[in-house]
Amino acid sequence: MIKGSSKKLPKFSSVGELVNFFEKHDLGEYWDQMPEAEFDIEIKKRKHTFTIDEDIAIKLTEIARSKRVPAEELVNLWLKEKISEVG
């Protein structure tokens, strides 16, 4: 897009109007009129991956399915319980 060739952005009385407008129009045509946004992101959780034996994974998946919970949730619950016993 050529600098200074953006269209004039209309005024909106609600966020809904703005959303509806950009569902039908190209944001790039109004880019020069968009305000800069700054924000901080704080990542509080990290995920770690561990390998487990296939037989354990199969049994774990069966147990999780029978309890109607994701296998990851079940693993985390069991590990927390075991760690609290040791710690």
PDB file of N, CA and C in Angstrom:
ATOM      1  N   MET A   1       0.846  -1.179   0.000  1.00  0.00           N
ATOM      2  CA  MET A   1       0.000   0.000   0.000  1.00  0.00           C
ATOM      3  C   MET A   1       0.890   1.241   0.000  1.00  0.00           C
ATOM      4  N   ILE A   2       0.511   2.231  -0.778  1.00  0.00           N
ATOM      5  CA  ILE A   2       1.256   3.477  -0.858  1.00  0.00           C
ATOM      6  C   ILE A   2       0.933   4.315   0.361  1.00  0.00           C
ATOM      7  N   LYS A   3       1.976   4.856   1.010  1.00  0.00           N
ATOM      8  CA  LYS A   3       1.787   5.648   2.219  1.00  0.00           C
ATOM      9  C   LYS A   3       0.902   6.852   1.926  1.00  0.00           C
ATOM     10  N   GLY A   4      -0.054   7.116   2.831  1.00  0.00           N
ATOM     11  CA  GLY A   4      -0.948   8.255   2.678  1.00  0.00           C
ATOM     12  C   GLY A   4      -2.143   7.961   1.781  1.00  0.00           C
ATOM     13  N   SER A   5      -2.284   6.707   1.321  1.00  0.00           N
ATOM     14  CA  SER A   5      -3.399   6.393   0.440  1.00  0.00           C
ATOM     15  C   SER A   5      -4.550   5.726   1.182  1.00  0.00           C
ATOM     16  N   SER A   6      -4.527   5.737   2.510  1.00  0.00           N
ATOM     17  CA  SER A   6      -5.590   5.071   3.243  1.00  0.00           C
ATOM     18  C   SER A   6      -6.872   5.896   3.221  1.00  0.00           C
ATOM     19  N   LYS A   7      -7.990   5.161   3.322  1.00  0.00           N
ATOM     20  CA  LYS A   7      -9.309   5.801   3.329  1.00  0.00           C
ATOM     21  C   LYS A   7      -9.585   6.384   4.711  1.00  0.00           C
ATOM     22  N   LYS A   8     -10.538   7.315   4.782  1.00  0.00           N
ATOM     23  CA  LYS A   8     -10.906   7.931   6.057  1.00  0.00           C
ATOM     24  C   LYS A   8     -11.760   6.958   6.854  1.00  0.00           C
ATOM     25  N   LEU A   9     -11.339   6.707   8.073  1.00  0.00           N
ATOM     26  CA  LEU A   9     -12.034   5.785   8.955  1.00  0.00           C
ATOM     27  C   LEU A   9     -13.276   6.466   9.535  1.00  0.00           C
ATOM     28  N   PRO A  10     -14.456   5.854   9.393  1.00  0.00           N
ATOM     29  CA  PRO A  10     -15.668   6.468   9.957  1.00  0.00           C
ATOM     30  C   PRO A  10     -15.669   6.393  11.484  1.00  0.00           C
ATOM     31  N   LYS A  11     -16.540   7.146  12.117  1.00  0.00           N
ATOM     32  CA  LYS A  11     -16.719   7.118  13.570  1.00  0.00           C
ATOM     33  C   LYS A  11     -17.694   5.991  13.912  1.00  0.00           C
ATOM     34  N   PHE A  12     -17.455   5.334  15.034  1.00  0.00           N
ATOM     35  CA  PHE A  12     -18.309   4.238  15.470  1.00  0.00           C
ATOM     36  C   PHE A  12     -18.855   4.555  16.850  1.00  0.00           C
ATOM     37  N   SER A  13     -20.121   4.190  17.081  1.00  0.00           N
ATOM     38  CA  SER A  13     -20.715   4.453  18.393  1.00  0.00           C
ATOM     39  C   SER A  13     -20.650   3.227  19.304  1.00  0.00           C
ATOM     40  N   SER A  14     -20.151   2.114  18.770  1.00  0.00           N
ATOM     41  CA  SER A  14     -19.996   0.913  19.597  1.00  0.00           C
ATOM     42  C   SER A  14     -18.921   0.014  19.004  1.00  0.00           C
ATOM     43  N   VAL A  15     -18.437  -0.880  19.825  1.00  0.00           N
ATOM     44  CA  VAL A  15     -17.453  -1.847  19.365  1.00  0.00           C
ATOM     45  C   VAL A  15     -18.090  -2.766  18.320  1.00  0.00           C
ATOM     46  N   GLY A  16     -19.355  -3.071  18.517  1.00  0.00           N
ATOM     47  CA  GLY A  16     -20.074  -3.915  17.563  1.00  0.00           C
ATOM     48  C   GLY A  16     -20.084  -3.319  16.165  1.00  0.00           C
ATOM     49  N   GLU A  17     -20.305  -2.012  16.072  1.00  0.00           N
ATOM     50  CA  GLU A  17     -20.280  -1.345  14.770  1.00  0.00           C
ATOM     51  C   GLU A  17     -18.896  -1.451  14.139  1.00  0.00           C
ATOM     52  N   LEU A  18     -17.866  -1.254  14.950  1.00  0.00           N
ATOM     53  CA  LEU A  18     -16.494  -1.352  14.451  1.00  0.00           C
ATOM     54  C   LEU A  18     -16.214  -2.758  13.927  1.00  0.00           C
ATOM     55  N   VAL A  19     -16.626  -3.774  14.682  1.00  0.00           N
ATOM     56  CA  VAL A  19     -16.416  -5.161  14.264  1.00  0.00           C
ATOM     57  C   VAL A  19     -17.145  -5.435  12.963  1.00  0.00           C
ATOM     58  N   ASN A  20     -18.404  -5.025  12.886  1.00  0.00           N
ATOM     59  CA  ASN A  20     -19.182  -5.234  11.656  1.00  0.00           C
ATOM     60  C   ASN A  20     -18.533  -4.547  10.469  1.00  0.00           C
ATOM     61  N   PHE A  21     -18.003  -3.346  10.685  1.00  0.00           N
ATOM     62  CA  PHE A  21     -17.355  -2.598   9.613  1.00  0.00           C
ATOM     63  C   PHE A  21     -16.157  -3.381   9.069  1.00  0.00           C
ATOM     64  N   PHE A  22     -15.308  -3.873   9.966  1.00  0.00           N
ATOM     65  CA  PHE A  22     -14.097  -4.561   9.508  1.00  0.00           C
ATOM     66  C   PHE A  22     -14.341  -5.996   9.062  1.00  0.00           C
ATOM     67  N   GLU A  23     -15.541  -6.507   9.288  1.00  0.00           N
ATOM     68  CA  GLU A  23     -15.886  -7.783   8.676  1.00  0.00           C
ATOM     69  C   GLU A  23     -16.106  -7.612   7.175  1.00  0.00           C
ATOM     70  N   LYS A  24     -16.404  -6.374   6.751  1.00  0.00           N
ATOM     71  CA  LYS A  24     -16.695  -6.100   5.339  1.00  0.00           C
ATOM     72  C   LYS A  24     -15.619  -5.262   4.651  1.00  0.00           C
ATOM     73  N   HIS A  25     -14.662  -4.734   5.410  1.00  0.00           N
ATOM     74  CA  HIS A  25     -13.639  -3.858   4.845  1.00  0.00           C
ATOM     75  C   HIS A  25     -12.241  -4.356   5.203  1.00  0.00           C
ATOM     76  N   ASP A  26     -11.296  -4.004   4.384  1.00  0.00           N
ATOM     77  CA  ASP A  26      -9.898  -4.393   4.573  1.00  0.00           C
ATOM     78  C   ASP A  26      -9.217  -3.436   5.555  1.00  0.00           C
ATOM     79  N   LEU A  27      -8.713  -3.978   6.651  1.00  0.00           N
ATOM     80  CA  LEU A  27      -8.032  -3.165   7.657  1.00  0.00           C
ATOM     81  C   LEU A  27      -6.849  -2.422   7.061  1.00  0.00           C
ATOM     82  N   GLY A  28      -6.208  -3.017   6.064  1.00  0.00           N
ATOM     83  CA  GLY A  28      -5.046  -2.404   5.439  1.00  0.00           C
ATOM     84  C   GLY A  28      -5.346  -1.049   4.816  1.00  0.00           C
ATOM     85  N   GLU A  29      -6.573  -0.830   4.404  1.00  0.00           N
ATOM     86  CA  GLU A  29      -6.958   0.455   3.798  1.00  0.00           C
ATOM     87  C   GLU A  29      -7.031   1.574   4.836  1.00  0.00           C
ATOM     88  N   TYR A  30      -7.038   1.201   6.127  1.00  0.00           N
ATOM     89  CA  TYR A  30      -7.175   2.178   7.215  1.00  0.00           C
ATOM     90  C   TYR A  30      -5.984   2.117   8.169  1.00  0.00           C
ATOM     91  N   TRP A  31      -4.951   1.386   7.785  1.00  0.00           N
ATOM     92  CA  TRP A  31      -3.827   1.107   8.675  1.00  0.00           C
ATOM     93  C   TRP A  31      -3.169   2.360   9.240  1.00  0.00           C
ATOM     94  N   ASP A  32      -2.989   3.388   8.405  1.00  0.00           N
ATOM     95  CA  ASP A  32      -2.321   4.615   8.856  1.00  0.00           C
ATOM     96  C   ASP A  32      -3.092   5.328   9.966  1.00  0.00           C
ATOM     97  N   GLN A  33      -4.374   5.053  10.104  1.00  0.00           N
ATOM     98  CA  GLN A  33      -5.201   5.717  11.110  1.00  0.00           C
ATOM     99  C   GLN A  33      -5.360   4.902  12.398  1.00  0.00           C
ATOM    100  N   MET A  34      -4.797   3.708  12.417  1.00  0.00           N
ATOM    101  CA  MET A  34      -4.917   2.856  13.598  1.00  0.00           C
ATOM    102  C   MET A  34      -3.975   3.337  14.692  1.00  0.00           C
ATOM    103  N   PRO A  35      -4.446   3.386  15.936  1.00  0.00           N
ATOM    104  CA  PRO A  35      -3.569   3.804  17.039  1.00  0.00           C
ATOM    105  C   PRO A  35      -2.566   2.698  17.364  1.00  0.00           C
ATOM    106  N   GLU A  36      -1.412   3.099  17.861  1.00  0.00           N
ATOM    107  CA  GLU A  36      -0.433   2.113  18.306  1.00  0.00           C
ATOM    108  C   GLU A  36      -0.928   1.503  19.614  1.00  0.00           C
ATOM    109  N   ALA A  37      -0.643   0.252  19.790  1.00  0.00           N
ATOM    110  CA  ALA A  37      -1.043  -0.433  21.013  1.00  0.00           C
ATOM    111  C   ALA A  37       0.194  -1.022  21.681  1.00  0.00           C
ATOM    112  N   GLU A  38       0.282  -0.829  22.981  1.00  0.00           N
ATOM    113  CA  GLU A  38       1.359  -1.427  23.755  1.00  0.00           C
ATOM    114  C   GLU A  38       0.743  -2.231  24.872  1.00  0.00           C
ATOM    115  N   PHE A  39       1.310  -3.392  25.114  1.00  0.00           N
ATOM    116  CA  PHE A  39       0.837  -4.213  26.210  1.00  0.00           C
ATOM    117  C   PHE A  39       1.946  -5.146  26.645  1.00  0.00           C
ATOM    118  N   ASP A  40       1.882  -5.545  27.900  1.00  0.00           N
ATOM    119  CA  ASP A  40       2.850  -6.481  28.454  1.00  0.00           C
ATOM    120  C   ASP A  40       2.194  -7.851  28.537  1.00  0.00           C
ATOM    121  N   ILE A  41       2.967  -8.863  28.274  1.00  0.00           N
ATOM    122  CA  ILE A  41       2.485 -10.231  28.394  1.00  0.00           C
ATOM    123  C   ILE A  41       3.324 -10.923  29.448  1.00  0.00           C
ATOM    124  N   GLU A  42       2.637 -11.480  30.417  1.00  0.00           N
ATOM    125  CA  GLU A  42       3.337 -12.208  31.470  1.00  0.00           C
ATOM    126  C   GLU A  42       2.946 -13.672  31.377  1.00  0.00           C
ATOM    127  N   ILE A  43       3.896 -14.495  31.032  1.00  0.00           N
ATOM    128  CA  ILE A  43       3.642 -15.923  30.924  1.00  0.00           C
ATOM    129  C   ILE A  43       3.906 -16.550  32.280  1.00  0.00           C
ATOM    130  N   LYS A  44       2.875 -17.149  32.834  1.00  0.00           N
ATOM    131  CA  LYS A  44       2.995 -17.695  34.171  1.00  0.00           C
ATOM    132  C   LYS A  44       3.216 -19.201  34.177  1.00  0.00           C
ATOM    133  N   LYS A  45       2.791 -19.883  33.137  1.00  0.00           N
ATOM    134  CA  LYS A  45       2.931 -21.333  33.117  1.00  0.00           C
ATOM    135  C   LYS A  45       3.816 -21.756  31.967  1.00  0.00           C
ATOM    136  N   ARG A  46       4.567 -22.772  32.218  1.00  0.00           N
ATOM    137  CA  ARG A  46       5.359 -23.403  31.168  1.00  0.00           C
ATOM    138  C   ARG A  46       4.973 -24.867  31.128  1.00  0.00           C
ATOM    139  N   LYS A  47       4.971 -25.420  29.957  1.00  0.00           N
ATOM    140  CA  LYS A  47       4.674 -26.844  29.815  1.00  0.00           C
ATOM    141  C   LYS A  47       5.961 -27.574  29.510  1.00  0.00           C
ATOM    142  N   HIS A  48       6.080 -28.763  30.062  1.00  0.00           N
ATOM    143  CA  HIS A  48       7.241 -29.611  29.843  1.00  0.00           C
ATOM    144  C   HIS A  48       6.748 -30.952  29.308  1.00  0.00           C
ATOM    145  N   THR A  49       7.497 -31.514  28.424  1.00  0.00           N
ATOM    146  CA  THR A  49       7.127 -32.788  27.825  1.00  0.00           C
ATOM    147  C   THR A  49       8.057 -33.883  28.325  1.00  0.00           C
ATOM    148  N   PHE A  50       7.463 -35.001  28.720  1.00  0.00           N
ATOM    149  CA  PHE A  50       8.219 -36.158  29.170  1.00  0.00           C
ATOM    150  C   PHE A  50       7.761 -37.363  28.371  1.00  0.00           C
ATOM    151  N   THR A  51       8.666 -38.276  28.120  1.00  0.00           N
ATOM    152  CA  THR A  51       8.284 -39.507  27.440  1.00  0.00           C
ATOM    153  C   THR A  51       7.957 -40.574  28.475  1.00  0.00           C
ATOM    154  N   ILE A  52       6.957 -41.403  28.136  1.00  0.00           N
ATOM    155  CA  ILE A  52       6.603 -42.527  29.006  1.00  0.00           C
ATOM    156  C   ILE A  52       6.488 -43.773  28.136  1.00  0.00           C
ATOM    157  N   ASP A  53       6.603 -44.918  28.773  1.00  0.00           N
ATOM    158  CA  ASP A  53       6.494 -46.182  28.047  1.00  0.00           C
ATOM    159  C   ASP A  53       5.119 -46.303  27.399  1.00  0.00           C
ATOM    160  N   GLU A  54       5.082 -46.963  26.269  1.00  0.00           N
ATOM    161  CA  GLU A  54       3.826 -47.097  25.525  1.00  0.00           C
ATOM    162  C   GLU A  54       2.760 -47.827  26.339  1.00  0.00           C
ATOM    163  N   ASP A  55       3.150 -48.879  27.043  1.00  0.00           N
ATOM    164  CA  ASP A  55       2.177 -49.626  27.848  1.00  0.00           C
ATOM    165  C   ASP A  55       1.544 -48.737  28.918  1.00  0.00           C
ATOM    166  N   ILE A  56       2.345 -47.890  29.539  1.00  0.00           N
ATOM    167  CA  ILE A  56       1.836 -46.968  30.566  1.00  0.00           C
ATOM    168  C   ILE A  56       0.898 -45.960  29.917  1.00  0.00           C
ATOM    169  N   ALA A  57       1.272 -45.450  28.756  1.00  0.00           N
ATOM    170  CA  ALA A  57       0.439 -44.458  28.064  1.00  0.00           C
ATOM    171  C   ALA A  57      -0.922 -45.050  27.701  1.00  0.00           C
ATOM    172  N   ILE A  58      -0.918 -46.284  27.241  1.00  0.00           N
ATOM    173  CA  ILE A  58      -2.184 -46.933  26.874  1.00  0.00           C
ATOM    174  C   ILE A  58      -3.075 -47.096  28.096  1.00  0.00           C
ATOM    175  N   LYS A  59      -2.505 -47.611  29.184  1.00  0.00           N
ATOM    176  CA  LYS A  59      -3.284 -47.813  30.414  1.00  0.00           C
ATOM    177  C   LYS A  59      -3.772 -46.481  30.980  1.00  0.00           C
ATOM    178  N   LEU A  60      -2.899 -45.493  30.955  1.00  0.00           N
ATOM    179  CA  LEU A  60      -3.261 -44.161  31.434  1.00  0.00           C
ATOM    180  C   LEU A  60      -4.435 -43.596  30.638  1.00  0.00           C
ATOM    181  N   THR A  61      -4.388 -43.741  29.335  1.00  0.00           N
ATOM    182  CA  THR A  61      -5.458 -43.248  28.472  1.00  0.00           C
ATOM    183  C   THR A  61      -6.770 -43.960  28.779  1.00  0.00           C
ATOM    184  N   GLU A  62      -6.697 -45.269  29.010  1.00  0.00           N
ATOM    185  CA  GLU A  62      -7.906 -46.031  29.363  1.00  0.00           C
ATOM    186  C   GLU A  62      -8.508 -45.535  30.675  1.00  0.00           C
ATOM    187  N   ILE A  63      -7.665 -45.340  31.676  1.00  0.00           N
ATOM    188  CA  ILE A  63      -8.135 -44.874  32.987  1.00  0.00           C
ATOM    189  C   ILE A  63      -8.724 -43.480  32.872  1.00  0.00           C
ATOM    190  N   ALA A  64      -8.041 -42.595  32.166  1.00  0.00           N
ATOM    191  CA  ALA A  64      -8.526 -41.222  31.998  1.00  0.00           C
ATOM    192  C   ALA A  64      -9.877 -41.225  31.292  1.00  0.00           C
ATOM    193  N   ARG A  65      -9.996 -42.050  30.259  1.00  0.00           N
ATOM    194  CA  ARG A  65     -11.259 -42.128  29.521  1.00  0.00           C
ATOM    195  C   ARG A  65     -12.380 -42.621  30.430  1.00  0.00           C
ATOM    196  N   SER A  66     -12.091 -43.618  31.266  1.00  0.00           N
ATOM    197  CA  SER A  66     -13.120 -44.142  32.169  1.00  0.00           C
ATOM    198  C   SER A  66     -13.546 -43.104  33.214  1.00  0.00           C
ATOM    199  N   LYS A  67     -12.613 -42.218  33.589  1.00  0.00           N
ATOM    200  CA  LYS A  67     -12.925 -41.154  34.553  1.00  0.00           C
ATOM    201  C   LYS A  67     -13.453 -39.892  33.871  1.00  0.00           C
ATOM    202  N   ARG A  68     -13.465 -39.927  32.514  1.00  0.00           N
ATOM    203  CA  ARG A  68     -13.943 -38.799  31.703  1.00  0.00           C
ATOM    204  C   ARG A  68     -13.150 -37.516  31.967  1.00  0.00           C
ATOM    205  N   VAL A  69     -11.832 -37.673  32.036  1.00  0.00           N
ATOM    206  CA  VAL A  69     -10.928 -36.524  32.176  1.00  0.00           C
ATOM    207  C   VAL A  69      -9.819 -36.668  31.140  1.00  0.00           C
ATOM    208  N   PRO A  70      -9.225 -35.575  30.714  1.00  0.00           N
ATOM    209  CA  PRO A  70      -8.088 -35.683  29.796  1.00  0.00           C
ATOM    210  C   PRO A  70      -6.915 -36.386  30.480  1.00  0.00           C
ATOM    211  N   ALA A  71      -6.181 -37.172  29.723  1.00  0.00           N
ATOM    212  CA  ALA A  71      -5.041 -37.903  30.270  1.00  0.00           C
ATOM    213  C   ALA A  71      -4.032 -36.952  30.906  1.00  0.00           C
ATOM    214  N   GLU A  72      -3.802 -35.806  30.291  1.00  0.00           N
ATOM    215  CA  GLU A  72      -2.858 -34.822  30.836  1.00  0.00           C
ATOM    216  C   GLU A  72      -3.286 -34.372  32.233  1.00  0.00           C
ATOM    217  N   GLU A  73      -4.574 -34.144  32.408  1.00  0.00           N
ATOM    218  CA  GLU A  73      -5.092 -33.723  33.720  1.00  0.00           C
ATOM    219  C   GLU A  73      -4.882 -34.814  34.760  1.00  0.00           C
ATOM    220  N   LEU A  74      -5.135 -36.057  34.371  1.00  0.00           N
ATOM    221  CA  LEU A  74      -4.953 -37.180  35.289  1.00  0.00           C
ATOM    222  C   LEU A  74      -3.487 -37.331  35.690  1.00  0.00           C
ATOM    223  N   VAL A  75      -2.593 -37.229  34.733  1.00  0.00           N
ATOM    224  CA  VAL A  75      -1.153 -37.325  35.020  1.00  0.00           C
ATOM    225  C   VAL A  75      -0.733 -36.238  36.001  1.00  0.00           C
ATOM    226  N   ASN A  76      -1.161 -35.001  35.743  1.00  0.00           N
ATOM    227  CA  ASN A  76      -0.793 -33.894  36.636  1.00  0.00           C
ATOM    228  C   ASN A  76      -1.339 -34.107  38.042  1.00  0.00           C
ATOM    229  N   LEU A  77      -2.567 -34.590  38.160  1.00  0.00           N
ATOM    230  CA  LEU A  77      -3.162 -34.860  39.474  1.00  0.00           C
ATOM    231  C   LEU A  77      -2.356 -35.922  40.213  1.00  0.00           C
ATOM    232  N   TRP A  78      -2.055 -37.012  39.540  1.00  0.00           N
ATOM    233  CA  TRP A  78      -1.301 -38.092  40.182  1.00  0.00           C
ATOM    234  C   TRP A  78       0.107 -37.651  40.568  1.00  0.00           C
ATOM    235  N   LEU A  79       0.741 -36.910  39.715  1.00  0.00           N
ATOM    236  CA  LEU A  79       2.096 -36.423  40.041  1.00  0.00           C
ATOM    237  C   LEU A  79       2.066 -35.469  41.241  1.00  0.00           C
ATOM    238  N   LYS A  80       1.078 -34.593  41.309  1.00  0.00           N
ATOM    239  CA  LYS A  80       0.963 -33.683  42.458  1.00  0.00           C
ATOM    240  C   LYS A  80       0.772 -34.474  43.743  1.00  0.00           C
ATOM    241  N   GLU A  81      -0.076 -35.515  43.684  1.00  0.00           N
ATOM    242  CA  GLU A  81      -0.304 -36.346  44.869  1.00  0.00           C
ATOM    243  C   GLU A  81       0.991 -37.037  45.294  1.00  0.00           C
ATOM    244  N   LYS A  82       1.704 -37.584  44.351  1.00  0.00           N
ATOM    245  CA  LYS A  82       2.949 -38.294  44.669  1.00  0.00           C
ATOM    246  C   LYS A  82       3.999 -37.343  45.219  1.00  0.00           C
ATOM    247  N   ILE A  83       4.115 -36.171  44.626  1.00  0.00           N
ATOM    248  CA  ILE A  83       5.086 -35.178  45.100  1.00  0.00           C
ATOM    249  C   ILE A  83       4.757 -34.716  46.523  1.00  0.00           C
ATOM    250  N   SER A  84       3.470 -34.538  46.807  1.00  0.00           N
ATOM    251  CA  SER A  84       3.100 -34.110  48.166  1.00  0.00           C
ATOM    252  C   SER A  84       3.409 -35.185  49.201  1.00  0.00           C
ATOM    253  N   GLU A  85       3.344 -36.454  48.799  1.00  0.00           N
ATOM    254  CA  GLU A  85       3.700 -37.552  49.701  1.00  0.00           C
ATOM    255  C   GLU A  85       5.199 -37.519  50.030  1.00  0.00           C
ATOM    256  N   VAL A  86       6.003 -37.208  49.046  1.00  0.00           N
ATOM    257  CA  VAL A  86       7.465 -37.206  49.209  1.00  0.00           C
ATOM    258  C   VAL A  86       7.950 -35.922  49.854  1.00  0.00           C
ATOM    259  N   GLY A  87       7.375 -34.797  49.407  1.00  0.00           N
ATOM    260  CA  GLY A  87       7.869 -33.491  49.787  1.00  0.00           C
ATOM    261  C   GLY A  87       7.502 -33.061  51.140  1.00  0.00           C
TER     262      GLY A  87
END
